[in-house]
């Protein structure tokens, strides 16, 4: 379980700090630009939707990792 948790944390940190720099150097749009293109200009309606979808994605990813880890034991 520790190994899986360490991989998850390392991937999360690398995704936050390293991936945006690589995207920018290759000319790809950032995650914020993609979300703006999909949902339009940020306003009082789209901001909570994006926050809820992001939280749901993180929750389901974490839940899947822990279920997978329990099956391996």
C-alpha atoms as a PDB file:
ATOM      1  CA  UNK A   1       0.000   0.000   0.000  1.00  0.00           C
ATOM      2  CA  UNK A   2       2.831   2.392   0.770  1.00  0.00           C
ATOM      3  CA  UNK A   3       4.350   1.874  -2.665  1.00  0.00           C
ATOM      4  CA  UNK A   4       1.039   2.611  -4.388  1.00  0.00           C
ATOM      5  CA  UNK A   5       0.473   5.705  -2.233  1.00  0.00           C
ATOM      6  CA  UNK A   6       3.977   6.981  -2.961  1.00  0.00           C
ATOM      7  CA  UNK A   7       3.423   6.536  -6.705  1.00  0.00           C
ATOM      8  CA  UNK A   8       0.117   8.383  -6.444  1.00  0.00           C
ATOM      9  CA  UNK A   9       1.658  11.307  -4.544  1.00  0.00           C
ATOM     10  CA  UNK A  10       4.690  11.459  -6.850  1.00  0.00           C
ATOM     11  CA  UNK A  11       2.470  11.441  -9.935  1.00  0.00           C
ATOM     12  CA  UNK A  12       0.259  14.152  -8.486  1.00  0.00           C
ATOM     13  CA  UNK A  13       3.215  16.403  -7.642  1.00  0.00           C
ATOM     14  CA  UNK A  14       4.886  15.828 -11.003  1.00  0.00           C
ATOM     15  CA  UNK A  15       1.598  16.542 -12.749  1.00  0.00           C
ATOM     16  CA  UNK A  16       1.248  19.842 -10.928  1.00  0.00           C
ATOM     17  CA  UNK A  17       4.810  21.125 -11.379  1.00  0.00           C
ATOM     18  CA  UNK A  18       6.451  19.329 -14.314  1.00  0.00           C
ATOM     19  CA  UNK A  19       3.610  18.691 -16.759  1.00  0.00           C
ATOM     20  CA  UNK A  20       2.668  22.394 -17.233  1.00  0.00           C
ATOM     21  CA  UNK A  21       6.265  23.260 -18.112  1.00  0.00           C
ATOM     22  CA  UNK A  22       6.437  20.439 -20.664  1.00  0.00           C
ATOM     23  CA  UNK A  23       3.074  21.429 -22.144  1.00  0.00           C
ATOM     24  CA  UNK A  24       4.191  25.027 -22.490  1.00  0.00           C
ATOM     25  CA  UNK A  25       7.521  24.132 -24.112  1.00  0.00           C
ATOM     26  CA  UNK A  26       5.777  21.853 -26.645  1.00  0.00           C
ATOM     27  CA  UNK A  27       3.123  24.445 -27.422  1.00  0.00           C
ATOM     28  CA  UNK A  28       0.163  22.508 -26.006  1.00  0.00           C
ATOM     29  CA  UNK A  29      -2.565  24.432 -24.178  1.00  0.00           C
ATOM     30  CA  UNK A  30      -2.500  24.321 -20.395  1.00  0.00           C
ATOM     31  CA  UNK A  31      -5.163  22.552 -18.394  1.00  0.00           C
ATOM     32  CA  UNK A  32      -6.738  25.891 -17.478  1.00  0.00           C
ATOM     33  CA  UNK A  33      -6.983  26.856 -21.154  1.00  0.00           C
ATOM     34  CA  UNK A  34      -8.587  23.518 -22.003  1.00  0.00           C
ATOM     35  CA  UNK A  35     -11.169  23.937 -19.242  1.00  0.00           C
ATOM     36  CA  UNK A  36     -11.870  27.468 -20.458  1.00  0.00           C
ATOM     37  CA  UNK A  37     -12.397  26.214 -24.008  1.00  0.00           C
ATOM     38  CA  UNK A  38     -14.743  23.455 -22.831  1.00  0.00           C
ATOM     39  CA  UNK A  39     -16.817  25.431 -20.305  1.00  0.00           C
ATOM     40  CA  UNK A  40     -16.382  28.983 -21.617  1.00  0.00           C
ATOM     41  CA  UNK A  41     -15.505  32.057 -19.602  1.00  0.00           C
ATOM     42  CA  UNK A  42     -15.365  31.444 -15.845  1.00  0.00           C
ATOM     43  CA  UNK A  43     -18.504  32.690 -14.120  1.00  0.00           C
ATOM     44  CA  UNK A  44     -20.693  31.855 -11.148  1.00  0.00           C
ATOM     45  CA  UNK A  45     -22.178  28.787 -12.861  1.00  0.00           C
ATOM     46  CA  UNK A  46     -19.178  27.136 -14.493  1.00  0.00           C
ATOM     47  CA  UNK A  47     -16.722  27.467 -11.578  1.00  0.00           C
ATOM     48  CA  UNK A  48     -18.658  25.152  -9.201  1.00  0.00           C
ATOM     49  CA  UNK A  49     -19.242  22.666 -12.037  1.00  0.00           C
ATOM     50  CA  UNK A  50     -15.521  22.443 -12.778  1.00  0.00           C
ATOM     51  CA  UNK A  51     -14.694  22.159  -9.059  1.00  0.00           C
ATOM     52  CA  UNK A  52     -17.217  19.344  -8.563  1.00  0.00           C
ATOM     53  CA  UNK A  53     -16.013  17.440 -11.629  1.00  0.00           C
ATOM     54  CA  UNK A  54     -12.390  17.750 -10.499  1.00  0.00           C
ATOM     55  CA  UNK A  55     -13.231  16.561  -6.978  1.00  0.00           C
ATOM     56  CA  UNK A  56     -15.219  13.638  -8.392  1.00  0.00           C
ATOM     57  CA  UNK A  57     -12.318  12.632 -10.645  1.00  0.00           C
ATOM     58  CA  UNK A  58      -9.822  12.750  -7.759  1.00  0.00           C
ATOM     59  CA  UNK A  59     -12.185  10.791  -5.486  1.00  0.00           C
ATOM     60  CA  UNK A  60     -12.837   8.061  -8.050  1.00  0.00           C
ATOM     61  CA  UNK A  61      -9.132   7.777  -8.865  1.00  0.00           C
ATOM     62  CA  UNK A  62      -8.179   7.433  -5.198  1.00  0.00           C
ATOM     63  CA  UNK A  63     -10.995   4.982  -4.534  1.00  0.00           C
ATOM     64  CA  UNK A  64      -9.944   2.836  -7.468  1.00  0.00           C
ATOM     65  CA  UNK A  65      -6.332   2.800  -6.327  1.00  0.00           C
ATOM     66  CA  UNK A  66      -7.233   1.677  -2.819  1.00  0.00           C
ATOM     67  CA  UNK A  67      -9.616  -1.018  -4.104  1.00  0.00           C
ATOM     68  CA  UNK A  68      -6.918  -2.298  -6.423  1.00  0.00           C
ATOM     69  CA  UNK A  69      -4.431  -2.345  -3.554  1.00  0.00           C
ATOM     70  CA  UNK A  70      -6.793  -4.360  -1.339  1.00  0.00           C
ATOM     71  CA  UNK A  71      -7.331  -6.941  -4.123  1.00  0.00           C
ATOM     72  CA  UNK A  72      -3.577  -7.467  -4.429  1.00  0.00           C
ATOM     73  CA  UNK A  73      -3.254  -8.451  -0.767  1.00  0.00           C
END
